[in-house]
N, C-alpha and C. Protein backbone atom coordinates (compact mmCIF):
# COMPACT_ATOMS: atom_id res chain seq x y z
N MET A 1 13.32 23.68 -3.84
CA MET A 1 12.48 22.73 -4.57
C MET A 1 11.03 23.23 -4.54
N GLU A 2 10.39 23.24 -5.68
CA GLU A 2 9.00 23.65 -5.79
C GLU A 2 8.09 22.73 -5.00
N VAL A 3 6.96 23.27 -4.54
CA VAL A 3 5.99 22.45 -3.80
C VAL A 3 5.52 21.29 -4.65
N ARG A 4 5.25 21.55 -5.92
CA ARG A 4 4.77 20.48 -6.80
C ARG A 4 5.78 19.34 -6.88
N ASN A 5 7.07 19.66 -6.98
CA ASN A 5 8.09 18.62 -7.04
C ASN A 5 8.18 17.86 -5.73
N VAL A 6 8.01 18.55 -4.62
CA VAL A 6 8.02 17.87 -3.32
C VAL A 6 6.87 16.89 -3.24
N VAL A 7 5.69 17.32 -3.66
CA VAL A 7 4.51 16.44 -3.63
C VAL A 7 4.75 15.23 -4.51
N ASN A 8 5.29 15.43 -5.71
CA ASN A 8 5.56 14.30 -6.59
C ASN A 8 6.59 13.36 -5.98
N TYR A 9 7.62 13.92 -5.33
CA TYR A 9 8.63 13.09 -4.70
C TYR A 9 8.02 12.26 -3.58
N VAL A 10 7.25 12.91 -2.72
CA VAL A 10 6.63 12.20 -1.59
C VAL A 10 5.68 11.14 -2.10
N ALA A 11 4.87 11.49 -3.08
CA ALA A 11 3.89 10.53 -3.59
C ALA A 11 4.57 9.31 -4.18
N SER A 12 5.69 9.51 -4.87
CA SER A 12 6.33 8.36 -5.50
C SER A 12 7.20 7.57 -4.53
N SER A 13 7.62 8.20 -3.43
CA SER A 13 8.52 7.49 -2.53
C SER A 13 7.83 7.01 -1.27
N ALA A 14 6.58 7.35 -1.05
CA ALA A 14 5.91 7.00 0.19
C ALA A 14 5.04 5.77 0.05
N THR A 15 5.17 5.04 -1.05
CA THR A 15 4.34 3.86 -1.22
C THR A 15 4.81 2.75 -0.30
N LEU A 16 3.90 1.91 0.09
CA LEU A 16 4.22 0.82 0.99
C LEU A 16 4.50 -0.47 0.24
N GLY A 17 4.52 -0.40 -1.04
CA GLY A 17 4.73 -1.59 -1.84
C GLY A 17 3.63 -1.67 -2.89
N ASP A 18 3.73 -2.66 -3.74
CA ASP A 18 2.71 -2.80 -4.77
C ASP A 18 1.37 -3.09 -4.14
N MET A 19 0.38 -2.41 -4.65
CA MET A 19 -0.98 -2.58 -4.14
C MET A 19 -1.57 -3.90 -4.61
N GLY A 20 -1.33 -4.26 -5.83
CA GLY A 20 -1.93 -5.49 -6.35
C GLY A 20 -1.30 -5.90 -7.65
N ARG A 21 -1.99 -6.78 -8.34
CA ARG A 21 -1.50 -7.28 -9.61
C ARG A 21 -1.41 -6.13 -10.61
N PRO A 22 -0.25 -5.97 -11.28
CA PRO A 22 -0.13 -4.89 -12.26
C PRO A 22 -1.00 -5.14 -13.48
N VAL A 23 -1.68 -4.09 -13.94
CA VAL A 23 -2.51 -4.15 -15.13
C VAL A 23 -2.12 -2.97 -16.01
N SER A 24 -1.65 -3.27 -17.20
CA SER A 24 -1.26 -2.20 -18.12
C SER A 24 -2.51 -1.58 -18.76
N ILE A 25 -2.34 -0.39 -19.29
CA ILE A 25 -3.42 0.27 -20.02
C ILE A 25 -3.90 -0.64 -21.16
N ARG A 26 -2.96 -1.28 -21.84
CA ARG A 26 -3.31 -2.17 -22.96
C ARG A 26 -4.17 -3.33 -22.48
N GLU A 27 -3.78 -3.96 -21.35
CA GLU A 27 -4.57 -5.06 -20.81
C GLU A 27 -5.96 -4.58 -20.40
N LEU A 28 -6.02 -3.41 -19.79
CA LEU A 28 -7.31 -2.85 -19.40
C LEU A 28 -8.20 -2.64 -20.62
N ARG A 29 -7.63 -2.10 -21.70
CA ARG A 29 -8.39 -1.85 -22.93
C ARG A 29 -8.81 -3.15 -23.60
N ASN A 30 -7.88 -4.12 -23.71
CA ASN A 30 -8.16 -5.34 -24.45
C ASN A 30 -8.92 -6.39 -23.66
N SER A 31 -8.84 -6.34 -22.34
CA SER A 31 -9.47 -7.37 -21.50
C SER A 31 -10.28 -6.74 -20.37
N THR A 32 -11.05 -5.73 -20.70
CA THR A 32 -11.79 -4.99 -19.68
C THR A 32 -12.67 -5.92 -18.85
N THR A 33 -13.38 -6.83 -19.50
CA THR A 33 -14.28 -7.74 -18.78
C THR A 33 -13.51 -8.57 -17.76
N LYS A 34 -12.35 -9.10 -18.14
CA LYS A 34 -11.53 -9.92 -17.23
C LYS A 34 -11.02 -9.08 -16.07
N VAL A 35 -10.58 -7.86 -16.35
CA VAL A 35 -10.08 -6.97 -15.30
C VAL A 35 -11.18 -6.67 -14.29
N ILE A 36 -12.37 -6.34 -14.79
CA ILE A 36 -13.51 -6.06 -13.91
C ILE A 36 -13.89 -7.30 -13.11
N GLU A 37 -13.83 -8.45 -13.74
CA GLU A 37 -14.11 -9.71 -13.06
C GLU A 37 -13.15 -9.93 -11.89
N ASP A 38 -11.86 -9.67 -12.12
CA ASP A 38 -10.87 -9.80 -11.05
C ASP A 38 -11.20 -8.88 -9.89
N ILE A 39 -11.54 -7.63 -10.20
CA ILE A 39 -11.87 -6.67 -9.15
C ILE A 39 -13.10 -7.14 -8.38
N GLU A 40 -14.12 -7.61 -9.10
CA GLU A 40 -15.33 -8.11 -8.44
C GLU A 40 -15.04 -9.31 -7.55
N ASN A 41 -13.99 -10.07 -7.89
CA ASN A 41 -13.60 -11.23 -7.09
C ASN A 41 -12.65 -10.85 -5.95
N GLY A 42 -12.46 -9.56 -5.74
CA GLY A 42 -11.66 -9.10 -4.60
C GLY A 42 -10.19 -8.91 -4.86
N VAL A 43 -9.76 -8.95 -6.12
CA VAL A 43 -8.34 -8.81 -6.45
C VAL A 43 -8.00 -7.33 -6.62
N PRO A 44 -7.12 -6.78 -5.77
CA PRO A 44 -6.69 -5.39 -5.99
C PRO A 44 -5.71 -5.33 -7.16
N LEU A 45 -5.77 -4.26 -7.93
CA LEU A 45 -4.93 -4.12 -9.11
C LEU A 45 -4.18 -2.80 -9.07
N THR A 46 -3.03 -2.76 -9.74
CA THR A 46 -2.27 -1.53 -9.90
C THR A 46 -2.21 -1.22 -11.39
N LEU A 47 -2.81 -0.10 -11.77
CA LEU A 47 -2.81 0.32 -13.17
C LEU A 47 -1.45 0.90 -13.50
N THR A 48 -0.86 0.46 -14.62
CA THR A 48 0.48 0.93 -14.99
C THR A 48 0.47 1.56 -16.38
N VAL A 49 1.35 2.53 -16.54
CA VAL A 49 1.60 3.16 -17.84
C VAL A 49 3.10 3.05 -18.07
N ASN A 50 3.49 2.37 -19.13
CA ASN A 50 4.91 2.11 -19.40
C ASN A 50 5.60 1.48 -18.19
N ARG A 51 4.94 0.51 -17.58
CA ARG A 51 5.42 -0.24 -16.40
C ARG A 51 5.55 0.62 -15.14
N ARG A 52 5.04 1.83 -15.17
CA ARG A 52 5.10 2.73 -14.01
C ARG A 52 3.72 2.76 -13.36
N PRO A 53 3.62 2.44 -12.05
CA PRO A 53 2.31 2.45 -11.39
C PRO A 53 1.73 3.87 -11.35
N VAL A 54 0.46 3.98 -11.74
CA VAL A 54 -0.19 5.29 -11.73
C VAL A 54 -1.45 5.32 -10.88
N ALA A 55 -2.05 4.17 -10.61
CA ALA A 55 -3.28 4.15 -9.81
C ALA A 55 -3.51 2.76 -9.24
N ASP A 56 -4.13 2.73 -8.08
CA ASP A 56 -4.54 1.46 -7.47
C ASP A 56 -6.04 1.32 -7.67
N ILE A 57 -6.46 0.15 -8.10
CA ILE A 57 -7.88 -0.15 -8.28
C ILE A 57 -8.23 -1.23 -7.28
N VAL A 58 -9.11 -0.90 -6.35
CA VAL A 58 -9.47 -1.85 -5.30
C VAL A 58 -10.97 -2.14 -5.37
N PRO A 59 -11.36 -3.32 -4.95
CA PRO A 59 -12.79 -3.65 -4.93
C PRO A 59 -13.55 -2.69 -4.01
N HIS A 60 -14.73 -2.31 -4.42
CA HIS A 60 -15.57 -1.42 -3.63
C HIS A 60 -16.13 -2.17 -2.43
N GLN A 61 -16.15 -1.49 -1.29
CA GLN A 61 -16.73 -2.06 -0.07
C GLN A 61 -17.66 -1.03 0.53
N LEU A 62 -18.91 -1.43 0.82
CA LEU A 62 -19.84 -0.50 1.44
C LEU A 62 -19.40 -0.18 2.85
N THR A 63 -18.95 -1.19 3.57
CA THR A 63 -18.40 -0.97 4.90
C THR A 63 -17.06 -1.66 4.96
N ARG A 64 -16.16 -1.06 5.68
CA ARG A 64 -14.82 -1.63 5.76
C ARG A 64 -14.49 -1.93 7.21
N SER A 65 -14.17 -3.16 7.48
CA SER A 65 -13.81 -3.57 8.82
C SER A 65 -12.41 -3.06 9.15
N PRO A 66 -12.21 -2.55 10.36
CA PRO A 66 -10.87 -2.10 10.74
C PRO A 66 -9.93 -3.27 11.01
N TRP A 67 -10.45 -4.49 10.99
CA TRP A 67 -9.66 -5.67 11.30
C TRP A 67 -9.22 -6.37 10.04
N VAL A 68 -8.03 -6.96 10.09
CA VAL A 68 -7.54 -7.78 8.99
C VAL A 68 -7.20 -9.15 9.55
N SER A 69 -7.21 -10.14 8.69
CA SER A 69 -6.87 -11.49 9.15
C SER A 69 -5.40 -11.55 9.55
N SER A 70 -5.05 -12.55 10.33
CA SER A 70 -3.65 -12.69 10.77
C SER A 70 -2.73 -12.90 9.56
N GLY A 71 -3.20 -13.63 8.56
CA GLY A 71 -2.40 -13.84 7.36
C GLY A 71 -2.15 -12.53 6.62
N GLU A 72 -3.18 -11.68 6.53
CA GLU A 72 -3.03 -10.39 5.87
C GLU A 72 -2.09 -9.50 6.66
N LEU A 73 -2.20 -9.51 7.98
CA LEU A 73 -1.31 -8.71 8.83
C LEU A 73 0.14 -9.15 8.65
N ARG A 74 0.37 -10.45 8.60
CA ARG A 74 1.73 -10.96 8.38
C ARG A 74 2.26 -10.49 7.02
N ARG A 75 1.41 -10.53 5.99
CA ARG A 75 1.81 -10.07 4.66
C ARG A 75 2.19 -8.59 4.69
N ILE A 76 1.37 -7.78 5.35
CA ILE A 76 1.64 -6.35 5.43
C ILE A 76 2.96 -6.08 6.14
N VAL A 77 3.17 -6.75 7.27
CA VAL A 77 4.40 -6.54 8.04
C VAL A 77 5.62 -7.02 7.25
N THR A 78 5.48 -8.12 6.54
CA THR A 78 6.59 -8.64 5.74
C THR A 78 6.95 -7.70 4.59
N GLU A 79 5.92 -7.18 3.91
CA GLU A 79 6.16 -6.31 2.76
C GLU A 79 6.53 -4.88 3.16
N SER A 80 6.10 -4.45 4.34
CA SER A 80 6.32 -3.07 4.77
C SER A 80 6.85 -3.03 6.19
N PRO A 81 8.09 -3.48 6.42
CA PRO A 81 8.61 -3.49 7.78
C PRO A 81 8.75 -2.08 8.34
N ALA A 82 8.80 -2.00 9.65
CA ALA A 82 8.94 -0.70 10.33
C ALA A 82 10.26 -0.04 9.94
N ASP A 83 10.24 1.26 9.91
CA ASP A 83 11.43 2.05 9.64
C ASP A 83 12.47 1.76 10.73
N PRO A 84 13.74 1.54 10.38
CA PRO A 84 14.77 1.25 11.38
C PRO A 84 14.86 2.34 12.46
N GLY A 85 14.66 3.59 12.09
CA GLY A 85 14.69 4.68 13.07
C GLY A 85 13.56 4.54 14.08
N LEU A 86 12.38 4.13 13.61
CA LEU A 86 11.25 3.92 14.50
C LEU A 86 11.56 2.78 15.47
N LEU A 87 12.12 1.70 14.97
CA LEU A 87 12.47 0.58 15.84
C LEU A 87 13.46 1.01 16.92
N LYS A 88 14.42 1.85 16.55
CA LYS A 88 15.40 2.36 17.52
C LYS A 88 14.71 3.22 18.59
N ASP A 89 13.78 4.08 18.16
CA ASP A 89 13.04 4.93 19.10
C ASP A 89 12.20 4.10 20.06
N ILE A 90 11.54 3.07 19.54
CA ILE A 90 10.72 2.20 20.39
C ILE A 90 11.60 1.48 21.40
N ALA A 91 12.75 0.99 20.97
CA ALA A 91 13.67 0.31 21.88
C ALA A 91 14.12 1.26 22.99
N ALA A 92 14.40 2.51 22.64
CA ALA A 92 14.83 3.49 23.64
C ALA A 92 13.73 3.76 24.65
N VAL A 93 12.50 3.88 24.19
CA VAL A 93 11.38 4.13 25.10
C VAL A 93 11.15 2.93 26.02
N ARG A 94 11.30 1.73 25.50
CA ARG A 94 11.09 0.53 26.32
C ARG A 94 12.13 0.43 27.43
N GLU A 95 13.32 0.98 27.20
CA GLU A 95 14.39 0.91 28.20
C GLU A 95 14.26 1.98 29.28
N GLU A 96 13.46 3.03 29.02
CA GLU A 96 13.32 4.11 30.01
C GLU A 96 12.52 3.63 31.20
N VAL A 97 12.83 4.18 32.36
CA VAL A 97 12.09 3.88 33.59
C VAL A 97 10.92 4.86 33.67
N ILE A 98 9.75 4.33 33.86
CA ILE A 98 8.56 5.17 33.94
C ILE A 98 8.17 5.29 35.41
N ASP A 99 8.04 6.54 35.87
CA ASP A 99 7.67 6.83 37.26
C ASP A 99 6.22 7.28 37.27
N ASP A 100 5.36 6.57 38.01
CA ASP A 100 3.94 6.88 38.04
C ASP A 100 3.56 7.96 39.05
N ARG A 101 4.53 8.62 39.69
CA ARG A 101 4.19 9.64 40.70
C ARG A 101 3.50 10.80 40.16
């Protein structure tokens, strides 16, 4: 498999879910003011071409806090649960006996 194809595969399969409200190219062209208004009001958008997501548009932030609200964290965990293999690995590590010697 070519490197370019691998990159395209990873990019399309590594998403954590929809970033925001879908906005088609047509909606962006016909309702630019409304789309910009939504972004200014903090609404993240996903730009689509033929219903296929091509870009995420997020509100600009001069500084970004590393913290999220508990509600946002719950949403993230609900929409993007841990990989089952990771959960299995964590369970195995928790069962191991740790010797501090």
